[in-house]
Amino acid sequence: MYLTNKKRIVLSILIAILIISIGTSNGSSDISILDTISIILNKLFNLPLKDGVSSQHMAIVWKLRLPRVLLAFIVGGCLATSGSVVQSVLKNELASPYTLGVSSGASFGAGLVIVSGIYIPILGGFTLPLIGFIFGFVTVCFVMVFSAKIDKTMSNNTIILSGMVFSLFVNALLTTLSAFFSDDLKSITLWQMGSFAMKGWSYVGLILPFFIVGMLGVLRFTREMDILTFGEEQAKIVGVDTKKVKTKLFIYCSVLTGGSVALSGTIGFVDLIAPHVVRKIFGSNHKYVVPMSFVFGGCLMVVTDLIARTIFTPMELPVGAVTAIIGAPFFAYIYFKKAS
């Protein structure tokens, strides 16, 4: 039976709700999905609890698992949305927001906080993620300014090469920093590998502004992204200011990616896998690709986080390691398929 895109969207949202429910229910102490839903409805709408639900299960679901799952979903969605935009604008199936230097910049900022012990009283525990975001955002700004200086048209190849140069440079700075402060090397490495452990509702609240600003910004340019797929010359003919549109889209992508990386660490491949799956299912129209990349990226992150915390219980794997195990073969498949 043929499904229209609208029906596929409804089905995808239902699957996302199911995955979030499974992610919240499963862990070191399994709680049934019905009990989980009952707890959430009780907390949100003050509905009566299902018989047999203990206060311990309520605390586990509401204070530990649900904020973790929601944070993972939003971070995965933000990364996947950024990936869909960068791949479309640069017309490169293997491109990702990390190509722009966001990840390396955020990692260097986080490394500085870890080795220096900087603590801003007003920010408290959010000092590290905020500084990580600022450094990631500044790195992207440098990439865009540098690209514009050496190539006024800001061609895709120029942006990719500039992003790679700045990423390598900032990574070299981080390596040097780690060498001087070897005692903090483990902390820096663990942060880079990504994790959602022990991150409660406050982190969900912190990611929301990045998500709202970035998504609303990107969704404003879905039409322009559709036109850009026909080439920059064609886009200019119909009146699209390609340089301006690219710059704005990359800034919004840096907001989505920088906020995500700063809060969760470096988690790769979600931004590569989800947009490809979405385009296979929904086609190339960006009014579908952008929001559905968010949904699919969020689902993928929740599943990988669930695997990371349950496969070797009670030990927990870094989420970045799980996504790399899944994503590396996918990357190779896309590369060789493109080359053939």
Protein backbone atom coordinates (compact mmCIF):
# COMPACT_ATOMS: atom_id res chain seq x y z
CA MET A 1 0.00 0.00 0.00
CA TYR A 2 1.38 3.43 -0.96
CA LEU A 3 1.73 5.89 1.91
CA THR A 4 1.67 9.64 1.36
CA ASN A 5 4.27 11.78 3.12
CA LYS A 6 1.62 13.03 5.56
CA LYS A 7 0.81 9.46 6.59
CA ARG A 8 4.53 8.70 6.87
CA ILE A 9 4.94 11.72 9.17
CA VAL A 10 2.13 10.51 11.46
CA LEU A 11 3.62 7.00 11.51
CA SER A 12 7.10 8.39 12.24
CA ILE A 13 5.81 10.47 15.15
CA LEU A 14 4.04 7.43 16.62
CA ILE A 15 7.25 5.39 16.30
CA ALA A 16 9.18 8.22 17.98
CA ILE A 17 6.74 8.23 20.93
CA LEU A 18 7.13 4.44 21.21
CA ILE A 19 10.95 4.67 21.14
CA ILE A 20 10.93 7.41 23.81
CA SER A 21 8.64 5.21 25.95
CA ILE A 22 10.91 2.17 25.51
CA GLY A 23 14.01 4.27 26.27
CA THR A 24 12.39 5.58 29.46
CA SER A 25 11.16 2.15 30.56
CA ASN A 26 14.33 0.12 30.07
CA GLY A 27 17.50 0.23 32.13
CA SER A 28 19.22 -1.43 35.04
CA SER A 29 15.78 -1.81 36.65
CA ASP A 30 13.14 -2.40 33.98
CA ILE A 31 9.79 -0.68 34.37
CA SER A 32 6.85 -1.59 32.16
CA ILE A 33 5.84 0.85 29.43
CA LEU A 34 2.32 1.12 30.90
CA ASP A 35 3.76 2.05 34.30
CA THR A 36 6.08 4.58 32.63
CA ILE A 37 3.22 6.20 30.73
CA SER A 38 1.11 6.28 33.90
CA ILE A 39 3.91 8.07 35.80
CA ILE A 40 4.38 10.65 33.04
CA LEU A 41 0.63 11.34 32.76
CA ASN A 42 0.42 11.65 36.55
CA LYS A 43 3.24 14.20 36.63
CA LEU A 44 2.00 16.19 33.64
CA PHE A 45 -1.78 16.08 34.08
CA ASN A 46 -2.19 14.84 37.67
CA LEU A 47 -4.02 11.70 36.46
CA PRO A 48 -4.32 8.81 38.94
CA LEU A 49 -1.39 6.39 39.02
CA LYS A 50 -1.72 2.83 37.82
CA ASP A 51 -2.00 0.30 40.67
CA GLY A 52 1.33 -1.10 41.82
CA VAL A 53 3.52 1.83 40.78
CA SER A 54 6.08 2.46 43.52
CA SER A 55 7.55 5.80 44.58
CA GLN A 56 10.99 4.43 43.66
CA HIS A 57 9.87 3.78 40.08
CA MET A 58 8.35 7.25 39.95
CA ALA A 59 11.68 8.80 40.94
CA ILE A 60 13.63 6.68 38.43
CA VAL A 61 11.32 7.56 35.53
CA TRP A 62 10.70 11.24 36.25
CA LYS A 63 14.02 12.39 37.72
CA LEU A 64 16.54 10.16 35.90
CA ARG A 65 15.33 8.47 32.74
CA LEU A 66 12.80 10.81 31.13
CA PRO A 67 15.05 13.92 31.18
CA ARG A 68 17.94 11.81 29.90
CA VAL A 69 15.86 10.37 27.05
CA LEU A 70 14.41 13.76 26.11
CA LEU A 71 17.88 15.34 26.13
CA ALA A 72 19.18 12.52 23.93
CA PHE A 73 16.21 12.94 21.56
CA ILE A 74 16.65 16.72 21.23
CA VAL A 75 20.45 16.51 20.83
CA GLY A 76 20.12 13.77 18.20
CA GLY A 77 17.45 15.78 16.39
CA CYS A 78 19.54 18.96 16.40
CA LEU A 79 22.60 17.14 15.05
CA ALA A 80 20.57 15.39 12.33
CA THR A 81 18.87 18.63 11.28
CA SER A 82 22.27 20.32 10.99
CA GLY A 83 23.52 17.37 8.96
CA SER A 84 20.61 17.59 6.53
CA VAL A 85 21.25 21.32 5.98
CA VAL A 86 25.03 21.05 5.56
CA GLN A 87 24.73 18.11 3.14
CA SER A 88 22.14 19.98 1.05
CA VAL A 89 23.95 23.32 0.95
CA LEU A 90 27.39 21.84 0.27
CA LYS A 91 25.90 19.21 -2.07
CA ASN A 92 28.06 16.58 -0.42
CA GLU A 93 26.51 13.38 0.96
CA LEU A 94 29.44 12.86 3.35
CA ALA A 95 29.46 16.39 4.81
CA SER A 96 28.40 17.08 8.39
CA PRO A 97 28.20 20.10 10.70
CA TYR A 98 31.47 18.95 12.25
CA THR A 99 33.02 19.82 8.87
CA LEU A 100 32.52 23.48 9.83
CA GLY A 101 34.69 23.13 12.94
CA VAL A 102 31.91 23.26 15.56
CA SER A 103 33.00 20.07 17.30
CA SER A 104 36.70 20.92 17.49
CA GLY A 105 35.96 24.43 18.76
CA ALA A 106 33.55 23.19 21.45
CA SER A 107 36.02 20.48 22.49
CA PHE A 108 38.82 23.02 22.87
CA GLY A 109 36.59 25.30 24.96
CA ALA A 110 35.59 22.38 27.18
CA GLY A 111 39.25 21.36 27.49
CA LEU A 112 40.16 24.85 28.69
CA VAL A 113 37.45 24.72 31.34
CA ILE A 114 38.54 21.27 32.53
CA VAL A 115 42.26 22.06 32.86
CA SER A 116 41.83 25.59 34.25
CA GLY A 117 39.00 24.83 36.63
CA ILE A 118 37.13 27.96 35.51
CA TYR A 119 33.85 28.31 37.39
CA ILE A 120 31.40 31.15 36.81
CA PRO A 121 29.18 31.39 39.94
CA ILE A 122 26.12 32.65 38.06
CA LEU A 123 26.30 29.72 35.61
CA GLY A 124 27.35 27.05 38.10
CA GLY A 125 27.46 23.63 36.45
CA PHE A 126 26.62 25.15 33.08
CA THR A 127 29.98 26.91 32.82
CA LEU A 128 31.48 24.07 30.74
CA PRO A 129 28.64 23.66 28.21
CA LEU A 130 28.24 27.41 27.69
CA ILE A 131 31.96 28.03 27.10
CA GLY A 132 32.05 24.95 24.86
CA PHE A 133 29.21 26.40 22.78
CA ILE A 134 30.86 29.84 22.55
CA PHE A 135 34.13 28.35 21.30
CA GLY A 136 32.30 26.17 18.77
CA PHE A 137 30.28 29.13 17.49
CA VAL A 138 33.35 31.38 17.24
CA THR A 139 35.20 28.68 15.26
CA VAL A 140 32.37 28.56 12.69
CA CYS A 141 32.41 32.36 12.44
CA PHE A 142 36.16 32.24 11.71
CA VAL A 143 35.56 29.59 9.03
CA MET A 144 32.88 31.73 7.35
CA VAL A 145 34.97 34.93 7.48
CA PHE A 146 38.07 33.12 6.21
CA SER A 147 36.09 31.50 3.37
CA ALA A 148 34.65 34.87 2.32
CA LYS A 149 38.11 36.48 2.35
CA ILE A 150 39.77 33.95 0.08
CA ASP A 151 36.74 33.31 -2.14
CA LYS A 152 34.08 36.01 -2.45
CA THR A 153 31.59 33.53 -3.90
CA MET A 154 32.11 31.20 -0.90
CA SER A 155 32.10 28.08 -3.05
CA ASN A 156 31.33 24.77 -1.39
CA ASN A 157 34.88 23.44 -1.80
CA THR A 158 36.29 26.57 -0.16
CA ILE A 159 34.00 26.22 2.85
CA ILE A 160 34.80 22.50 3.25
CA LEU A 161 38.55 23.06 3.01
CA SER A 162 38.43 26.05 5.37
CA GLY A 163 36.44 24.02 7.89
CA MET A 164 38.95 21.18 7.69
CA VAL A 165 41.90 23.56 8.15
CA PHE A 166 40.38 25.22 11.22
CA SER A 167 39.30 21.85 12.67
CA LEU A 168 42.83 20.47 12.35
CA PHE A 169 44.32 23.64 13.84
CA VAL A 170 41.97 23.70 16.84
CA ASN A 171 42.39 19.94 17.39
CA ALA A 172 46.16 20.50 17.42
CA LEU A 173 45.67 23.16 20.11
CA LEU A 174 43.58 20.71 22.15
CA THR A 175 46.22 17.98 21.77
CA THR A 176 48.91 20.41 22.94
CA LEU A 177 46.74 21.44 25.88
CA SER A 178 46.21 17.77 26.82
CA ALA A 179 49.97 17.14 26.65
CA PHE A 180 50.69 19.99 29.08
CA PHE A 181 47.91 18.90 31.46
CA SER A 182 48.17 15.11 31.21
CA ASP A 183 46.39 14.64 34.56
CA ASP A 184 43.19 15.96 32.96
CA LEU A 185 43.55 13.91 29.77
CA LYS A 186 41.05 11.28 30.92
CA SER A 187 38.40 13.90 31.73
CA ILE A 188 38.84 15.59 28.35
CA THR A 189 38.71 12.27 26.49
CA LEU A 190 35.56 11.11 28.32
CA TRP A 191 33.83 14.42 27.61
CA GLN A 192 34.70 14.17 23.92
CA MET A 193 33.24 10.66 23.64
CA GLY A 194 29.77 11.88 24.63
CA SER A 195 27.35 10.92 27.37
CA PHE A 196 23.89 11.76 28.72
CA ALA A 197 24.53 10.27 32.17
CA MET A 198 23.46 12.26 35.24
CA LYS A 199 21.95 15.09 33.21
CA GLY A 200 18.54 16.07 34.51
CA TRP A 201 15.77 18.51 33.66
CA SER A 202 18.07 21.51 33.91
CA TYR A 203 20.00 20.28 30.87
CA VAL A 204 16.76 19.77 28.94
CA GLY A 205 15.86 23.36 29.73
CA LEU A 206 19.30 24.53 28.62
CA ILE A 207 19.15 22.82 25.20
CA LEU A 208 15.68 24.22 24.39
CA PRO A 209 16.80 27.77 23.42
CA PHE A 210 19.43 26.33 21.03
CA PHE A 211 16.81 23.99 19.56
CA ILE A 212 14.14 26.69 19.13
CA VAL A 213 16.43 29.35 17.62
CA GLY A 214 18.24 26.89 15.34
CA MET A 215 15.16 25.05 14.08
CA LEU A 216 13.10 28.18 13.45
CA GLY A 217 16.05 29.72 11.62
CA VAL A 218 16.62 26.69 9.39
CA LEU A 219 12.91 26.21 8.62
CA ARG A 220 12.77 29.76 7.23
CA PHE A 221 15.06 28.71 4.37
CA THR A 222 13.57 25.40 3.19
CA ARG A 223 12.52 26.96 -0.13
CA GLU A 224 16.00 28.40 -0.71
CA MET A 225 17.56 25.00 0.06
CA ASP A 226 15.29 23.39 -2.52
CA ILE A 227 16.47 25.94 -5.11
CA LEU A 228 20.14 25.50 -4.14
CA THR A 229 19.94 21.80 -5.04
CA PHE A 230 19.76 22.87 -8.71
CA GLY A 231 23.12 24.67 -8.40
CA GLU A 232 24.25 28.10 -7.28
CA GLU A 233 24.03 29.66 -10.74
CA GLN A 234 20.39 28.64 -11.10
CA ALA A 235 19.69 29.91 -7.58
CA LYS A 236 21.18 33.31 -8.41
CA ILE A 237 19.07 33.53 -11.58
CA VAL A 238 15.84 33.17 -9.56
CA GLY A 239 17.02 35.79 -7.08
CA VAL A 240 18.55 33.80 -4.21
CA ASP A 241 21.47 35.56 -2.50
CA THR A 242 23.48 32.35 -2.14
CA LYS A 243 26.27 33.84 -0.02
CA LYS A 244 23.84 35.38 2.46
CA VAL A 245 21.66 32.25 2.63
CA LYS A 246 24.67 29.97 3.17
CA THR A 247 26.06 32.17 5.93
CA LYS A 248 22.74 32.31 7.79
CA LEU A 249 22.14 28.57 7.44
CA PHE A 250 25.62 27.73 8.73
CA ILE A 251 25.16 30.06 11.69
CA TYR A 252 21.86 28.38 12.59
CA CYS A 253 23.54 24.98 12.17
CA SER A 254 26.31 26.07 14.52
CA VAL A 255 23.67 27.03 17.10
CA LEU A 256 22.07 23.56 16.83
CA THR A 257 25.35 21.66 16.78
CA GLY A 258 27.28 23.87 19.19
CA GLY A 259 24.57 23.64 21.84
CA SER A 260 24.32 19.86 21.38
CA VAL A 261 28.07 19.22 21.48
CA ALA A 262 28.55 21.53 24.47
CA LEU A 263 25.90 19.67 26.49
CA SER A 264 26.61 16.07 25.48
CA GLY A 265 30.15 15.93 24.06
CA THR A 266 31.16 14.89 20.57
CA ILE A 267 28.74 12.34 19.12
CA GLY A 268 29.27 11.62 15.45
CA PHE A 269 27.47 9.91 12.58
CA VAL A 270 23.89 10.68 13.71
CA ASP A 271 24.11 13.80 11.54
CA LEU A 272 25.19 11.61 8.62
CA ILE A 273 22.82 8.64 8.95
CA ALA A 274 19.45 10.27 9.74
CA PRO A 275 19.27 12.69 6.76
CA HIS A 276 20.09 9.85 4.32
CA VAL A 277 17.32 7.67 5.74
CA VAL A 278 14.85 10.58 5.63
CA ARG A 279 15.62 11.40 1.98
CA LYS A 280 15.08 7.75 1.05
CA ILE A 281 11.64 7.79 2.70
CA PHE A 282 10.38 11.34 2.15
CA GLY A 283 12.25 12.53 -0.94
CA SER A 284 14.35 15.69 -1.26
CA ASN A 285 11.77 18.38 -0.44
CA HIS A 286 13.25 20.25 2.52
CA LYS A 287 9.92 21.05 4.13
CA TYR A 288 9.89 17.32 4.91
CA VAL A 289 13.64 16.62 5.11
CA VAL A 290 14.41 19.18 7.84
CA PRO A 291 11.71 18.33 10.44
CA MET A 292 11.81 14.59 9.78
CA SER A 293 15.60 14.55 10.11
CA PHE A 294 15.02 15.92 13.60
CA VAL A 295 12.56 13.11 14.41
CA PHE A 296 14.74 10.33 12.96
CA GLY A 297 17.93 11.74 14.49
CA GLY A 298 16.24 11.93 17.88
CA CYS A 299 15.04 8.32 17.62
CA LEU A 300 18.49 7.10 16.58
CA MET A 301 20.14 8.88 19.51
CA VAL A 302 17.65 7.46 22.03
CA VAL A 303 18.26 3.93 20.69
CA THR A 304 22.07 4.29 20.78
CA ASP A 305 21.93 5.76 24.30
CA LEU A 306 19.75 2.84 25.40
CA ILE A 307 22.29 0.40 23.94
CA ALA A 308 25.15 2.30 25.62
CA ARG A 309 23.63 2.02 29.09
CA THR A 310 22.16 -1.48 28.93
CA ILE A 311 24.41 -3.71 26.81
CA PHE A 312 27.09 -4.09 29.52
CA THR A 313 25.09 -3.26 32.68
CA PRO A 314 26.11 -1.90 35.18
CA MET A 315 28.95 -0.41 33.10
CA GLU A 316 27.97 2.33 30.67
CA LEU A 317 29.57 2.87 27.26
CA PRO A 318 30.14 6.34 25.80
CA VAL A 319 27.34 7.13 23.35
CA GLY A 320 29.88 8.39 20.81
CA ALA A 321 31.49 4.94 20.72
CA VAL A 322 28.16 3.25 19.92
CA THR A 323 27.26 5.73 17.16
CA ALA A 324 30.74 5.30 15.66
CA ILE A 325 30.36 1.49 15.59
CA ILE A 326 27.03 1.89 13.78
CA GLY A 327 28.00 4.88 11.67
CA ALA A 328 31.43 3.92 10.34
CA PRO A 329 30.13 1.04 8.15
CA PHE A 330 27.29 3.32 6.99
CA PHE A 331 29.83 6.02 6.05
CA ALA A 332 31.86 3.44 4.10
CA TYR A 333 28.70 2.23 2.33
CA ILE A 334 27.77 5.78 1.23
CA TYR A 335 31.33 6.52 0.12
CA PHE A 336 31.78 3.40 -2.01
CA LYS A 337 28.24 3.66 -3.39
CA LYS A 338 29.01 7.23 -4.45
CA ALA A 339 32.35 6.21 -5.96
CA SER A 340 30.90 3.29 -7.96
